[in-house]
Protein backbone atom coordinates (compact mmCIF):
# COMPACT_ATOMS: atom_id res chain seq x y z
CA UNK A 1 6.11 -8.01 7.78
CA UNK A 2 7.65 -8.84 11.13
CA UNK A 3 10.62 -10.57 9.58
CA UNK A 4 11.87 -12.04 6.38
CA UNK A 5 10.59 -15.61 6.08
CA UNK A 6 13.25 -18.08 4.91
CA UNK A 7 15.46 -15.27 3.65
CA UNK A 8 12.85 -14.07 1.18
CA UNK A 9 11.23 -10.63 1.24
CA UNK A 10 7.73 -11.94 0.57
CA UNK A 11 4.64 -10.86 2.42
CA UNK A 12 1.82 -8.42 2.92
CA UNK A 13 1.71 -5.52 5.39
CA UNK A 14 -1.02 -3.18 6.57
CA UNK A 15 -0.67 0.17 8.32
CA UNK A 16 -3.38 2.18 10.04
CA UNK A 17 -3.83 5.82 11.02
CA UNK A 18 -4.69 7.10 14.51
CA UNK A 19 -8.43 6.77 13.76
CA UNK A 20 -8.02 3.06 12.97
CA UNK A 21 -8.51 3.44 9.22
CA UNK A 22 -6.28 1.57 6.81
CA UNK A 23 -3.67 4.08 5.66
CA UNK A 24 -1.63 1.81 3.39
CA UNK A 25 -0.90 -1.77 2.44
CA UNK A 26 2.09 -3.35 0.73
CA UNK A 27 2.28 -6.60 -1.17
CA UNK A 28 5.46 -8.31 -2.36
CA UNK A 29 5.50 -8.95 -6.12
CA UNK A 30 8.97 -10.15 -7.15
CA UNK A 31 12.74 -10.16 -6.67
CA UNK A 32 15.13 -9.16 -9.46
CA UNK A 33 18.63 -7.68 -9.75
CA UNK A 34 19.14 -7.50 -5.98
CA UNK A 35 15.88 -5.64 -5.41
CA UNK A 36 12.43 -6.59 -4.17
CA UNK A 37 9.39 -5.06 -5.83
CA UNK A 38 6.32 -4.23 -3.71
CA UNK A 39 2.95 -2.81 -4.72
CA UNK A 40 1.89 -0.10 -2.23
CA UNK A 41 -1.74 0.97 -1.91
CA UNK A 42 -2.48 4.25 -0.13
CA UNK A 43 -6.03 5.01 1.04
CA UNK A 44 -7.74 8.40 1.32
CA UNK A 45 -11.01 9.02 3.16
CA UNK A 46 -13.87 11.53 3.10
CA UNK A 47 -15.40 13.26 6.16
CA UNK A 48 -17.59 10.19 6.81
CA UNK A 49 -14.53 7.88 6.96
CA UNK A 50 -15.46 6.21 3.67
CA UNK A 51 -12.72 5.26 1.21
CA UNK A 52 -12.74 8.02 -1.37
CA UNK A 53 -9.61 7.10 -3.32
CA UNK A 54 -6.89 4.47 -3.50
CA UNK A 55 -3.55 5.13 -5.18
CA UNK A 56 -0.97 2.54 -6.23
CA UNK A 57 2.81 2.89 -6.21
CA UNK A 58 5.67 0.54 -7.02
CA UNK A 59 8.26 0.42 -4.23
CA UNK A 60 11.75 -1.07 -4.68
CA UNK A 61 13.86 -2.20 -1.71
CA UNK A 62 17.07 -4.13 -1.33
CA UNK A 63 16.39 -7.88 -1.61
CA UNK A 64 16.01 -9.56 1.76
CA UNK A 65 14.85 -6.36 3.47
CA UNK A 66 11.44 -6.22 5.11
CA UNK A 67 8.81 -3.54 4.59
CA UNK A 68 10.35 -1.34 7.31
CA UNK A 69 13.50 -0.90 5.23
CA UNK A 70 14.14 2.34 3.39
CA UNK A 71 12.80 2.31 -0.17
CA UNK A 72 15.44 2.60 -2.87
CA UNK A 73 12.91 3.88 -5.37
CA UNK A 74 9.18 4.76 -5.43
CA UNK A 75 7.11 5.29 -8.56
CA UNK A 76 4.62 8.10 -9.05
CA UNK A 77 1.13 7.39 -7.68
CA UNK A 78 -1.48 5.99 -10.05
CA UNK A 79 -5.19 6.29 -9.29
CA UNK A 80 -6.60 2.79 -8.75
CA UNK A 81 -10.01 3.45 -7.18
CA UNK A 82 -12.28 6.50 -6.99
CA UNK A 83 -15.58 6.37 -5.11
CA UNK A 84 -18.41 8.88 -5.19
CA UNK A 85 -21.13 8.82 -2.51
CA UNK A 86 -24.64 10.24 -2.33
CA UNK A 87 -26.01 12.32 0.58
CA UNK A 88 -26.88 9.12 2.50
CA UNK A 89 -23.36 7.72 2.19
CA UNK A 90 -24.20 5.12 -0.47
CA UNK A 91 -21.51 4.50 -3.05
CA UNK A 92 -22.47 5.67 -6.55
CA UNK A 93 -19.33 4.76 -8.51
């Protein structure tokens, strides 16, 4: 999020690693009690640059802050996606 549109901390951000793969994304969910709640997805890759796993975390920031602001609280990671590939790189699960 480049800024905070109309004073609200709503939006969606993407970050990439040096190889150009998506490292993480954040999506605004709600505001409550002076805090903004975001859902953060973190991506993990195998040796063939295929998404092997995606974890989800809840991230709380001060209301009105953008996604560059320091998180006030971060939940433990929860497995959201797990892929298995065959020897030809085709997804099995």
